[in-house]
Amino acid sequence: MKIECGMLAIAMMAGCAMPAMADQVKPAWSGATEELFQTFIVDEGLKELGYDVGELTQISSVQLVHTAVANGDLTFYPVHWVPLHDTFWKASGGDEKLMSVGTLIKN
């Protein structure tokens, strides 16, 4: 799903599918303090849906966060900015390895 310029997407589920609810999902964070709010909201939503949400993993580079999710080391990164992070999306495998799930903040 492609989203409009300026939206903040709940982005990048490894393997283009959510794990089974019994599995643990692992959130990624690039270290920017302003990203914590969005990450915690998504964490709480996933818990409400029955997922076991693992400890937040900080990776200091947005590019490396995309790669970690694309490789399955982490499950999701809820702070993907379009179009700012599109280059990282493409370099990490694009739509074949990553999936945008929805929008948190529009424009």
PDB file of N, CA and C in Angstrom:
ATOM      1  N   MET A   1       0.837  -1.172   0.000  1.00  0.00           N
ATOM      2  CA  MET A   1       0.000   0.000   0.000  1.00  0.00           C
ATOM      3  C   MET A   1       0.885   1.239   0.000  1.00  0.00           C
ATOM      4  N   LYS A   2       0.796   2.068  -0.988  1.00  0.00           N
ATOM      5  CA  LYS A   2       1.542   3.322  -1.017  1.00  0.00           C
ATOM      6  C   LYS A   2       0.694   4.391  -0.368  1.00  0.00           C
ATOM      7  N   ILE A   3       1.333   5.271   0.387  1.00  0.00           N
ATOM      8  CA  ILE A   3       0.593   6.315   1.071  1.00  0.00           C
ATOM      9  C   ILE A   3       1.050   7.679   0.606  1.00  0.00           C
ATOM     10  N   GLU A   4       0.250   8.673   0.893  1.00  0.00           N
ATOM     11  CA  GLU A   4       0.507  10.022   0.411  1.00  0.00           C
ATOM     12  C   GLU A   4       1.707  10.657   1.096  1.00  0.00           C
ATOM     13  N   CYS A   5       2.285  11.619   0.417  1.00  0.00           N
ATOM     14  CA  CYS A   5       3.406  12.379   0.956  1.00  0.00           C
ATOM     15  C   CYS A   5       3.049  12.991   2.306  1.00  0.00           C
ATOM     16  N   GLY A   6       3.958  12.889   3.252  1.00  0.00           N
ATOM     17  CA  GLY A   6       3.778  13.527   4.538  1.00  0.00           C
ATOM     18  C   GLY A   6       3.102  12.668   5.592  1.00  0.00           C
ATOM     19  N   MET A   7       2.629  11.493   5.255  1.00  0.00           N
ATOM     20  CA  MET A   7       1.988  10.647   6.242  1.00  0.00           C
ATOM     21  C   MET A   7       3.011   9.873   7.055  1.00  0.00           C
ATOM     22  N   LEU A   8       2.652   9.594   8.270  1.00  0.00           N
ATOM     23  CA  LEU A   8       3.469   8.739   9.118  1.00  0.00           C
ATOM     24  C   LEU A   8       2.808   7.383   9.121  1.00  0.00           C
ATOM     25  N   ALA A   9       3.513   6.376   8.687  1.00  0.00           N
ATOM     26  CA  ALA A   9       2.907   5.055   8.540  1.00  0.00           C
ATOM     27  C   ALA A   9       3.336   4.130   9.657  1.00  0.00           C
ATOM     28  N   ILE A  10       2.418   3.271  10.065  1.00  0.00           N
ATOM     29  CA  ILE A  10       2.801   2.126  10.875  1.00  0.00           C
ATOM     30  C   ILE A  10       3.361   1.169   9.847  1.00  0.00           C
ATOM     31  N   ALA A  11       4.656   1.017   9.834  1.00  0.00           N
ATOM     32  CA  ALA A  11       5.269   0.401   8.668  1.00  0.00           C
ATOM     33  C   ALA A  11       6.065  -0.833   9.012  1.00  0.00           C
ATOM     34  N   MET A  12       6.219  -1.636   8.030  1.00  0.00           N
ATOM     35  CA  MET A  12       7.226  -2.649   7.957  1.00  0.00           C
ATOM     36  C   MET A  12       7.028  -3.846   8.866  1.00  0.00           C
ATOM     37  N   MET A  13       6.267  -4.752   8.411  1.00  0.00           N
ATOM     38  CA  MET A  13       6.156  -6.035   9.079  1.00  0.00           C
ATOM     39  C   MET A  13       7.031  -7.009   8.306  1.00  0.00           C
ATOM     40  N   ALA A  14       7.941  -7.636   8.983  1.00  0.00           N
ATOM     41  CA  ALA A  14       8.878  -8.542   8.331  1.00  0.00           C
ATOM     42  C   ALA A  14       8.130  -9.658   7.631  1.00  0.00           C
ATOM     43  N   GLY A  15       8.558  -9.995   6.449  1.00  0.00           N
ATOM     44  CA  GLY A  15       7.950 -11.078   5.692  1.00  0.00           C
ATOM     45  C   GLY A  15       6.558 -10.749   5.196  1.00  0.00           C
ATOM     46  N   CYS A  16       6.140  -9.508   5.284  1.00  0.00           N
ATOM     47  CA  CYS A  16       4.845  -9.047   4.789  1.00  0.00           C
ATOM     48  C   CYS A  16       3.658  -9.724   5.453  1.00  0.00           C
ATOM     49  N   ALA A  17       3.818 -10.211   6.663  1.00  0.00           N
ATOM     50  CA  ALA A  17       2.691 -10.777   7.401  1.00  0.00           C
ATOM     51  C   ALA A  17       2.989 -10.693   8.886  1.00  0.00           C
ATOM     52  N   MET A  18       1.949 -10.436   9.657  1.00  0.00           N
ATOM     53  CA  MET A  18       2.130 -10.420  11.107  1.00  0.00           C
ATOM     54  C   MET A  18       2.341 -11.843  11.594  1.00  0.00           C
ATOM     55  N   PRO A  19       3.168 -12.001  12.632  1.00  0.00           N
ATOM     56  CA  PRO A  19       3.347 -13.335  13.212  1.00  0.00           C
ATOM     57  C   PRO A  19       2.051 -13.814  13.860  1.00  0.00           C
ATOM     58  N   ALA A  20       1.982 -15.103  14.158  1.00  0.00           N
ATOM     59  CA  ALA A  20       0.833 -15.639  14.887  1.00  0.00           C
ATOM     60  C   ALA A  20       0.766 -14.948  16.238  1.00  0.00           C
ATOM     61  N   MET A  21      -0.434 -14.827  16.802  1.00  0.00           N
ATOM     62  CA  MET A  21      -0.593 -14.106  18.057  1.00  0.00           C
ATOM     63  C   MET A  21       0.220 -14.700  19.192  1.00  0.00           C
ATOM     64  N   ALA A  22       0.525 -15.972  19.143  1.00  0.00           N
ATOM     65  CA  ALA A  22       1.317 -16.604  20.198  1.00  0.00           C
ATOM     66  C   ALA A  22       2.777 -16.174  20.121  1.00  0.00           C
ATOM     67  N   ASP A  23       3.189 -15.704  18.945  1.00  0.00           N
ATOM     68  CA  ASP A  23       4.565 -15.282  18.760  1.00  0.00           C
ATOM     69  C   ASP A  23       4.790 -13.893  19.339  1.00  0.00           C
ATOM     70  N   GLN A  24       6.033 -13.613  19.654  1.00  0.00           N
ATOM     71  CA  GLN A  24       6.379 -12.295  20.157  1.00  0.00           C
ATOM     72  C   GLN A  24       6.704 -11.375  18.988  1.00  0.00           C
ATOM     73  N   VAL A  25       6.174 -10.168  19.034  1.00  0.00           N
ATOM     74  CA  VAL A  25       6.543  -9.155  18.054  1.00  0.00           C
ATOM     75  C   VAL A  25       7.556  -8.232  18.708  1.00  0.00           C
ATOM     76  N   LYS A  26       8.519  -7.785  17.902  1.00  0.00           N
ATOM     77  CA  LYS A  26       9.634  -7.007  18.435  1.00  0.00           C
ATOM     78  C   LYS A  26       9.665  -5.622  17.797  1.00  0.00           C
ATOM     79  N   PRO A  27       9.359  -4.575  18.594  1.00  0.00           N
ATOM     80  CA  PRO A  27       9.341  -3.220  18.047  1.00  0.00           C
ATOM     81  C   PRO A  27      10.739  -2.638  17.864  1.00  0.00           C
ATOM     82  N   ALA A  28      10.891  -1.857  16.802  1.00  0.00           N
ATOM     83  CA  ALA A  28      12.138  -1.151  16.521  1.00  0.00           C
ATOM     84  C   ALA A  28      11.950   0.331  16.805  1.00  0.00           C
ATOM     85  N   TRP A  29      13.033   0.977  17.223  1.00  0.00           N
ATOM     86  CA  TRP A  29      13.025   2.407  17.525  1.00  0.00           C
ATOM     87  C   TRP A  29      14.365   2.977  17.102  1.00  0.00           C
ATOM     88  N   SER A  30      14.347   4.121  16.421  1.00  0.00           N
ATOM     89  CA  SER A  30      15.608   4.696  15.932  1.00  0.00           C
ATOM     90  C   SER A  30      16.306   5.560  16.973  1.00  0.00           C
ATOM     91  N   GLY A  31      15.709   5.750  18.126  1.00  0.00           N
ATOM     92  CA  GLY A  31      16.353   6.520  19.180  1.00  0.00           C
ATOM     93  C   GLY A  31      15.856   7.945  19.319  1.00  0.00           C
ATOM     94  N   ALA A  32      15.047   8.415  18.381  1.00  0.00           N
ATOM     95  CA  ALA A  32      14.502   9.766  18.480  1.00  0.00           C
ATOM     96  C   ALA A  32      13.387   9.780  19.527  1.00  0.00           C
ATOM     97  N   THR A  33      13.514  10.643  20.509  1.00  0.00           N
ATOM     98  CA  THR A  33      12.559  10.691  21.611  1.00  0.00           C
ATOM     99  C   THR A  33      11.131  10.889  21.121  1.00  0.00           C
ATOM    100  N   GLU A  34      10.939  11.721  20.116  1.00  0.00           N
ATOM    101  CA  GLU A  34       9.588  11.982  19.618  1.00  0.00           C
ATOM    102  C   GLU A  34       8.928  10.751  18.993  1.00  0.00           C
ATOM    103  N   GLU A  35       9.699   9.721  18.693  1.00  0.00           N
ATOM    104  CA  GLU A  35       9.142   8.487  18.131  1.00  0.00           C
ATOM    105  C   GLU A  35       8.568   7.568  19.204  1.00  0.00           C
ATOM    106  N   LEU A  36       8.928   7.778  20.442  1.00  0.00           N
ATOM    107  CA  LEU A  36       8.475   6.873  21.507  1.00  0.00           C
ATOM    108  C   LEU A  36       6.965   6.862  21.650  1.00  0.00           C
ATOM    109  N   PHE A  37       6.322   8.010  21.564  1.00  0.00           N
ATOM    110  CA  PHE A  37       4.870   8.088  21.722  1.00  0.00           C
ATOM    111  C   PHE A  37       4.159   7.188  20.717  1.00  0.00           C
ATOM    112  N   GLN A  38       4.514   7.329  19.433  1.00  0.00           N
ATOM    113  CA  GLN A  38       3.892   6.506  18.400  1.00  0.00           C
ATOM    114  C   GLN A  38       4.172   5.023  18.631  1.00  0.00           C
ATOM    115  N   THR A  39       5.388   4.716  19.010  1.00  0.00           N
ATOM    116  CA  THR A  39       5.776   3.324  19.232  1.00  0.00           C
ATOM    117  C   THR A  39       4.981   2.726  20.383  1.00  0.00           C
ATOM    118  N   PHE A  40       4.826   3.473  21.474  1.00  0.00           N
ATOM    119  CA  PHE A  40       4.067   2.971  22.615  1.00  0.00           C
ATOM    120  C   PHE A  40       2.588   2.785  22.274  1.00  0.00           C
ATOM    121  N   ILE A  41       2.029   3.668  21.452  1.00  0.00           N
ATOM    122  CA  ILE A  41       0.630   3.516  21.030  1.00  0.00           C
ATOM    123  C   ILE A  41       0.453   2.226  20.238  1.00  0.00           C
ATOM    124  N   VAL A  42       1.343   1.983  19.299  1.00  0.00           N
ATOM    125  CA  VAL A  42       1.253   0.757  18.496  1.00  0.00           C
ATOM    126  C   VAL A  42       1.467  -0.472  19.380  1.00  0.00           C
ATOM    127  N   ASP A  43       2.414  -0.396  20.295  1.00  0.00           N
ATOM    128  CA  ASP A  43       2.650  -1.508  21.232  1.00  0.00           C
ATOM    129  C   ASP A  43       1.362  -1.846  21.993  1.00  0.00           C
ATOM    130  N   GLU A  44       0.703  -0.823  22.524  1.00  0.00           N
ATOM    131  CA  GLU A  44      -0.526  -1.046  23.297  1.00  0.00           C
ATOM    132  C   GLU A  44      -1.635  -1.643  22.424  1.00  0.00           C
ATOM    133  N   GLY A  45      -1.751  -1.157  21.206  1.00  0.00           N
ATOM    134  CA  GLY A  45      -2.745  -1.709  20.291  1.00  0.00           C
ATOM    135  C   GLY A  45      -2.488  -3.179  19.995  1.00  0.00           C
ATOM    136  N   LEU A  46      -1.239  -3.532  19.768  1.00  0.00           N
ATOM    137  CA  LEU A  46      -0.895  -4.929  19.504  1.00  0.00           C
ATOM    138  C   LEU A  46      -1.153  -5.810  20.726  1.00  0.00           C
ATOM    139  N   LYS A  47      -0.887  -5.277  21.913  1.00  0.00           N
ATOM    140  CA  LYS A  47      -1.188  -6.022  23.140  1.00  0.00           C
ATOM    141  C   LYS A  47      -2.685  -6.268  23.264  1.00  0.00           C
ATOM    142  N   GLU A  48      -3.482  -5.244  22.946  1.00  0.00           N
ATOM    143  CA  GLU A  48      -4.946  -5.384  22.987  1.00  0.00           C
ATOM    144  C   GLU A  48      -5.433  -6.447  21.999  1.00  0.00           C
ATOM    145  N   LEU A  49      -4.718  -6.597  20.905  1.00  0.00           N
ATOM    146  CA  LEU A  49      -5.076  -7.618  19.911  1.00  0.00           C
ATOM    147  C   LEU A  49      -4.580  -9.009  20.294  1.00  0.00           C
ATOM    148  N   GLY A  50      -3.823  -9.103  21.382  1.00  0.00           N
ATOM    149  CA  GLY A  50      -3.369 -10.395  21.866  1.00  0.00           C
ATOM    150  C   GLY A  50      -1.922 -10.737  21.588  1.00  0.00           C
ATOM    151  N   TYR A  51      -1.182  -9.818  21.015  1.00  0.00           N
ATOM    152  CA  TYR A  51       0.226 -10.080  20.740  1.00  0.00           C
ATOM    153  C   TYR A  51       1.073  -9.914  21.988  1.00  0.00           C
ATOM    154  N   ASP A  52       2.127 -10.691  22.080  1.00  0.00           N
ATOM    155  CA  ASP A  52       3.149 -10.534  23.107  1.00  0.00           C
ATOM    156  C   ASP A  52       4.176  -9.571  22.523  1.00  0.00           C
ATOM    157  N   VAL A  53       4.207  -8.349  23.041  1.00  0.00           N
ATOM    158  CA  VAL A  53       5.110  -7.325  22.510  1.00  0.00           C
ATOM    159  C   VAL A  53       6.409  -7.357  23.302  1.00  0.00           C
ATOM    160  N   GLY A  54       7.493  -7.614  22.616  1.00  0.00           N
ATOM    161  CA  GLY A  54       8.803  -7.693  23.248  1.00  0.00           C
ATOM    162  C   GLY A  54       9.343  -6.334  23.625  1.00  0.00           C
ATOM    163  N   GLU A  55      10.509  -6.360  24.230  1.00  0.00           N
ATOM    164  CA  GLU A  55      11.174  -5.132  24.647  1.00  0.00           C
ATOM    165  C   GLU A  55      11.573  -4.299  23.428  1.00  0.00           C
ATOM    166  N   LEU A  56      11.447  -3.009  23.566  1.00  0.00           N
ATOM    167  CA  LEU A  56      11.800  -2.063  22.512  1.00  0.00           C
ATOM    168  C   LEU A  56      13.300  -2.143  22.219  1.00  0.00           C
ATOM    169  N   THR A  57      13.650  -2.261  20.945  1.00  0.00           N
ATOM    170  CA  THR A  57      15.049  -2.304  20.535  1.00  0.00           C
ATOM    171  C   THR A  57      15.416  -1.007  19.842  1.00  0.00           C
ATOM    172  N   GLN A  58      16.429  -0.344  20.353  1.00  0.00           N
ATOM    173  CA  GLN A  58      16.895   0.905  19.761  1.00  0.00           C
ATOM    174  C   GLN A  58      18.047   0.636  18.813  1.00  0.00           C
ATOM    175  N   ILE A  59      17.898   1.136  17.595  1.00  0.00           N
ATOM    176  CA  ILE A  59      18.963   1.109  16.599  1.00  0.00           C
ATOM    177  C   ILE A  59      19.134   2.550  16.141  1.00  0.00           C
ATOM    178  N   SER A  60      20.323   3.072  16.264  1.00  0.00           N
ATOM    179  CA  SER A  60      20.543   4.514  16.121  1.00  0.00           C
ATOM    180  C   SER A  60      20.429   5.069  14.703  1.00  0.00           C
ATOM    181  N   SER A  61      20.142   4.253  13.732  1.00  0.00           N
ATOM    182  CA  SER A  61      20.036   4.721  12.357  1.00  0.00           C
ATOM    183  C   SER A  61      18.723   4.242  11.747  1.00  0.00           C
ATOM    184  N   VAL A  62      17.975   5.169  11.171  1.00  0.00           N
ATOM    185  CA  VAL A  62      16.705   4.810  10.530  1.00  0.00           C
ATOM    186  C   VAL A  62      16.955   3.806   9.401  1.00  0.00           C
ATOM    187  N   GLN A  63      18.038   3.960   8.677  1.00  0.00           N
ATOM    188  CA  GLN A  63      18.366   3.019   7.601  1.00  0.00           C
ATOM    189  C   GLN A  63      18.561   1.611   8.156  1.00  0.00           C
ATOM    190  N   LEU A  64      19.276   1.486   9.274  1.00  0.00           N
ATOM    191  CA  LEU A  64      19.497   0.172   9.877  1.00  0.00           C
ATOM    192  C   LEU A  64      18.225  -0.415  10.474  1.00  0.00           C
ATOM    193  N   VAL A  65      17.331   0.446  10.976  1.00  0.00           N
ATOM    194  CA  VAL A  65      16.038  -0.035  11.480  1.00  0.00           C
ATOM    195  C   VAL A  65      15.268  -0.705  10.349  1.00  0.00           C
ATOM    196  N   HIS A  66      15.216  -0.069   9.199  1.00  0.00           N
ATOM    197  CA  HIS A  66      14.526  -0.649   8.044  1.00  0.00           C
ATOM    198  C   HIS A  66      15.129  -2.011   7.681  1.00  0.00           C
ATOM    199  N   THR A  67      16.450  -2.081   7.671  1.00  0.00           N
ATOM    200  CA  THR A  67      17.137  -3.329   7.325  1.00  0.00           C
ATOM    201  C   THR A  67      16.853  -4.414   8.353  1.00  0.00           C
ATOM    202  N   ALA A  68      16.868  -4.069   9.637  1.00  0.00           N
ATOM    203  CA  ALA A  68      16.603  -5.055  10.694  1.00  0.00           C
ATOM    204  C   ALA A  68      15.197  -5.642  10.576  1.00  0.00           C
ATOM    205  N   VAL A  69      14.231  -4.801  10.236  1.00  0.00           N
ATOM    206  CA  VAL A  69      12.864  -5.303  10.063  1.00  0.00           C
ATOM    207  C   VAL A  69      12.768  -6.139   8.791  1.00  0.00           C
ATOM    208  N   ALA A  70      13.365  -5.672   7.721  1.00  0.00           N
ATOM    209  CA  ALA A  70      13.325  -6.421   6.459  1.00  0.00           C
ATOM    210  C   ALA A  70      13.957  -7.799   6.597  1.00  0.00           C
ATOM    211  N   ASN A  71      14.986  -7.911   7.438  1.00  0.00           N
ATOM    212  CA  ASN A  71      15.664  -9.192   7.637  1.00  0.00           C
ATOM    213  C   ASN A  71      15.003 -10.068   8.688  1.00  0.00           C
ATOM    214  N   GLY A  72      13.970  -9.542   9.361  1.00  0.00           N
ATOM    215  CA  GLY A  72      13.260 -10.331  10.357  1.00  0.00           C
ATOM    216  C   GLY A  72      13.882 -10.289  11.749  1.00  0.00           C
ATOM    217  N   ASP A  73      14.912  -9.482  11.955  1.00  0.00           N
ATOM    218  CA  ASP A  73      15.514  -9.361  13.282  1.00  0.00           C
ATOM    219  C   ASP A  73      14.571  -8.641  14.239  1.00  0.00           C
ATOM    220  N   LEU A  74      13.795  -7.703  13.716  1.00  0.00           N
ATOM    221  CA  LEU A  74      12.756  -7.003  14.464  1.00  0.00           C
ATOM    222  C   LEU A  74      11.475  -7.115  13.653  1.00  0.00           C
ATOM    223  N   THR A  75      10.326  -6.906  14.292  1.00  0.00           N
ATOM    224  CA  THR A  75       9.058  -7.139  13.608  1.00  0.00           C
ATOM    225  C   THR A  75       8.473  -5.896  12.966  1.00  0.00           C
ATOM    226  N   PHE A  76       8.547  -4.763  13.660  1.00  0.00           N
ATOM    227  CA  PHE A  76       7.934  -3.565  13.095  1.00  0.00           C
ATOM    228  C   PHE A  76       8.625  -2.294  13.544  1.00  0.00           C
ATOM    229  N   TYR A  77       8.425  -1.252  12.730  1.00  0.00           N
ATOM    230  CA  TYR A  77       8.927   0.091  12.998  1.00  0.00           C
ATOM    231  C   TYR A  77       7.779   1.048  12.693  1.00  0.00           C
ATOM    232  N   PRO A  78       7.148   1.605  13.712  1.00  0.00           N
ATOM    233  CA  PRO A  78       5.927   2.382  13.478  1.00  0.00           C
ATOM    234  C   PRO A  78       6.146   3.835  13.070  1.00  0.00           C
ATOM    235  N   VAL A  79       7.365   4.230  12.758  1.00  0.00           N
ATOM    236  CA  VAL A  79       7.618   5.640  12.473  1.00  0.00           C
ATOM    237  C   VAL A  79       8.313   5.799  11.120  1.00  0.00           C
ATOM    238  N   HIS A  80       7.679   5.307  10.079  1.00  0.00           N
ATOM    239  CA  HIS A  80       8.213   5.443   8.716  1.00  0.00           C
ATOM    240  C   HIS A  80       7.567   6.666   8.077  1.00  0.00           C
ATOM    241  N   TRP A  81       8.392   7.653   7.742  1.00  0.00           N
ATOM    242  CA  TRP A  81       7.881   8.879   7.131  1.00  0.00           C
ATOM    243  C   TRP A  81       7.971   8.788   5.611  1.00  0.00           C
ATOM    244  N   VAL A  82       6.870   9.117   4.957  1.00  0.00           N
ATOM    245  CA  VAL A  82       6.816   9.168   3.500  1.00  0.00           C
ATOM    246  C   VAL A  82       6.817  10.636   3.108  1.00  0.00           C
ATOM    247  N   PRO A  83       7.660  11.075   2.243  1.00  0.00           N
ATOM    248  CA  PRO A  83       8.628  10.342   1.431  1.00  0.00           C
ATOM    249  C   PRO A  83      10.035  10.306   2.046  1.00  0.00           C
ATOM    250  N   LEU A  84      10.234  10.874   3.211  1.00  0.00           N
ATOM    251  CA  LEU A  84      11.557  11.011   3.816  1.00  0.00           C
ATOM    252  C   LEU A  84      12.315   9.681   3.911  1.00  0.00           C
ATOM    253  N   HIS A  85      11.632   8.602   4.270  1.00  0.00           N
ATOM    254  CA  HIS A  85      12.292   7.311   4.465  1.00  0.00           C
ATOM    255  C   HIS A  85      12.147   6.358   3.278  1.00  0.00           C
ATOM    256  N   ASP A  86      11.588   6.820   2.178  1.00  0.00           N
ATOM    257  CA  ASP A  86      11.358   5.939   1.023  1.00  0.00           C
ATOM    258  C   ASP A  86      12.638   5.301   0.489  1.00  0.00           C
ATOM    259  N   THR A  87      13.746   6.029   0.516  1.00  0.00           N
ATOM    260  CA  THR A  87      15.016   5.475   0.037  1.00  0.00           C
ATOM    261  C   THR A  87      15.430   4.279   0.893  1.00  0.00           C
ATOM    262  N   PHE A  88      15.240   4.377   2.208  1.00  0.00           N
ATOM    263  CA  PHE A  88      15.584   3.276   3.114  1.00  0.00           C
ATOM    264  C   PHE A  88      14.672   2.076   2.867  1.00  0.00           C
ATOM    265  N   TRP A  89      13.404   2.351   2.605  1.00  0.00           N
ATOM    266  CA  TRP A  89      12.415   1.302   2.294  1.00  0.00           C
ATOM    267  C   TRP A  89      12.890   0.510   1.068  1.00  0.00           C
ATOM    268  N   LYS A  90      13.203   1.228   0.006  1.00  0.00           N
ATOM    269  CA  LYS A  90      13.631   0.587  -1.241  1.00  0.00           C
ATOM    270  C   LYS A  90      14.942  -0.183  -1.058  1.00  0.00           C
ATOM    271  N   ALA A  91      15.904   0.413  -0.351  1.00  0.00           N
ATOM    272  CA  ALA A  91      17.215  -0.216  -0.153  1.00  0.00           C
ATOM    273  C   ALA A  91      17.130  -1.474   0.713  1.00  0.00           C
ATOM    274  N   SER A  92      16.086  -1.579   1.513  1.00  0.00           N
ATOM    275  CA  SER A  92      15.921  -2.743   2.398  1.00  0.00           C
ATOM    276  C   SER A  92      15.068  -3.850   1.782  1.00  0.00           C
ATOM    277  N   GLY A  93      14.692  -3.697   0.544  1.00  0.00           N
ATOM    278  CA  GLY A  93      13.922  -4.743  -0.132  1.00  0.00           C
ATOM    279  C   GLY A  93      12.568  -4.297  -0.613  1.00  0.00           C
ATOM    280  N   GLY A  94      12.170  -3.093  -0.241  1.00  0.00           N
ATOM    281  CA  GLY A  94      10.912  -2.532  -0.731  1.00  0.00           C
ATOM    282  C   GLY A  94       9.697  -3.383  -0.403  1.00  0.00           C
ATOM    283  N   ASP A  95       8.727  -3.324  -1.280  1.00  0.00           N
ATOM    284  CA  ASP A  95       7.454  -4.014  -1.072  1.00  0.00           C
ATOM    285  C   ASP A  95       7.577  -5.535  -1.020  1.00  0.00           C
ATOM    286  N   GLU A  96       8.677  -6.088  -1.518  1.00  0.00           N
ATOM    287  CA  GLU A  96       8.858  -7.542  -1.470  1.00  0.00           C
ATOM    288  C   GLU A  96       9.208  -8.031  -0.067  1.00  0.00           C
ATOM    289  N   LYS A  97       9.849  -7.184   0.743  1.00  0.00           N
ATOM    290  CA  LYS A  97      10.270  -7.598   2.084  1.00  0.00           C
ATOM    291  C   LYS A  97       9.552  -6.847   3.203  1.00  0.00           C
ATOM    292  N   LEU A  98       8.906  -5.732   2.867  1.00  0.00           N
ATOM    293  CA  LEU A  98       8.295  -4.874   3.874  1.00  0.00           C
ATOM    294  C   LEU A  98       6.841  -4.587   3.505  1.00  0.00           C
ATOM    295  N   MET A  99       6.051  -4.251   4.520  1.00  0.00           N
ATOM    296  CA  MET A  99       4.650  -3.952   4.265  1.00  0.00           C
ATOM    297  C   MET A  99       4.225  -2.762   5.123  1.00  0.00           C
ATOM    298  N   SER A 100       3.590  -1.799   4.515  1.00  0.00           N
ATOM    299  CA  SER A 100       2.996  -0.685   5.247  1.00  0.00           C
ATOM    300  C   SER A 100       1.616  -1.134   5.693  1.00  0.00           C
ATOM    301  N   VAL A 101       1.318  -0.961   6.972  1.00  0.00           N
ATOM    302  CA  VAL A 101       0.074  -1.496   7.525  1.00  0.00           C
ATOM    303  C   VAL A 101      -0.999  -0.448   7.695  1.00  0.00           C
ATOM    304  N   GLY A 102      -0.647   0.806   7.818  1.00  0.00           N
ATOM    305  CA  GLY A 102      -1.657   1.841   8.016  1.00  0.00           C
ATOM    306  C   GLY A 102      -1.022   3.183   8.308  1.00  0.00           C
ATOM    307  N   THR A 103      -1.841   4.127   8.713  1.00  0.00           N
ATOM    308  CA  THR A 103      -1.381   5.475   8.950  1.00  0.00           C
ATOM    309  C   THR A 103      -1.682   5.899  10.384  1.00  0.00           C
ATOM    310  N   LEU A 104      -0.702   6.463  11.033  1.00  0.00           N
ATOM    311  CA  LEU A 104      -0.892   7.030  12.378  1.00  0.00           C
ATOM    312  C   LEU A 104      -1.224   8.511  12.289  1.00  0.00           C
ATOM    313  N   ILE A 105      -0.414   9.265  11.547  1.00  0.00           N
ATOM    314  CA  ILE A 105      -0.580  10.694  11.462  1.00  0.00           C
ATOM    315  C   ILE A 105      -0.588  11.097   9.990  1.00  0.00           C
ATOM    316  N   LYS A 106      -1.641  11.740   9.553  1.00  0.00           N
ATOM    317  CA  LYS A 106      -1.761  12.155   8.163  1.00  0.00           C
ATOM    318  C   LYS A 106      -1.319  13.593   8.032  1.00  0.00           C
ATOM    319  N   ASN A 107      -0.428  13.823   7.067  1.00  0.00           N
ATOM    320  CA  ASN A 107       0.091  15.158   6.766  1.00  0.00           C
ATOM    321  C   ASN A 107       0.717  15.795   7.973  1.00  0.00           C
TER     322      ASN A 107
END
